[in-house]
Amino acid sequence: MAQLIEVKVPDIGDFKDVAVIELLVKPGDVVKLEQSLLPVESDKASMEIPSSAAGVVKELRVAVGDKVNEGTVVLMLEAE
């Protein structure tokens, strides 16, 4: 039976409420460990959020324009 994993925003330093500026994956996409999922941007920097696991994207939990913080669930992944 496949296991669903919550992929969360990792430690991004002192940044709070950073904006999602693009989605690089969609439901059904196969992602690899450490693959970039979405770039986020604060008033000082932009960075890409990597996947903490490999598998198939089942559900996106964020949209372009959403604000995220460390620990925010960005998507649900069906583990390989």
Foldseek 3Di string as FASTA:
>chain_A
DWDKDFWWAAAPDPDFFWFFADAPDDAFDWDAFQCFGTWTHDPVDIDTGGGNATAGWHFAPDDGGGTGDGGHGGTMGGHD
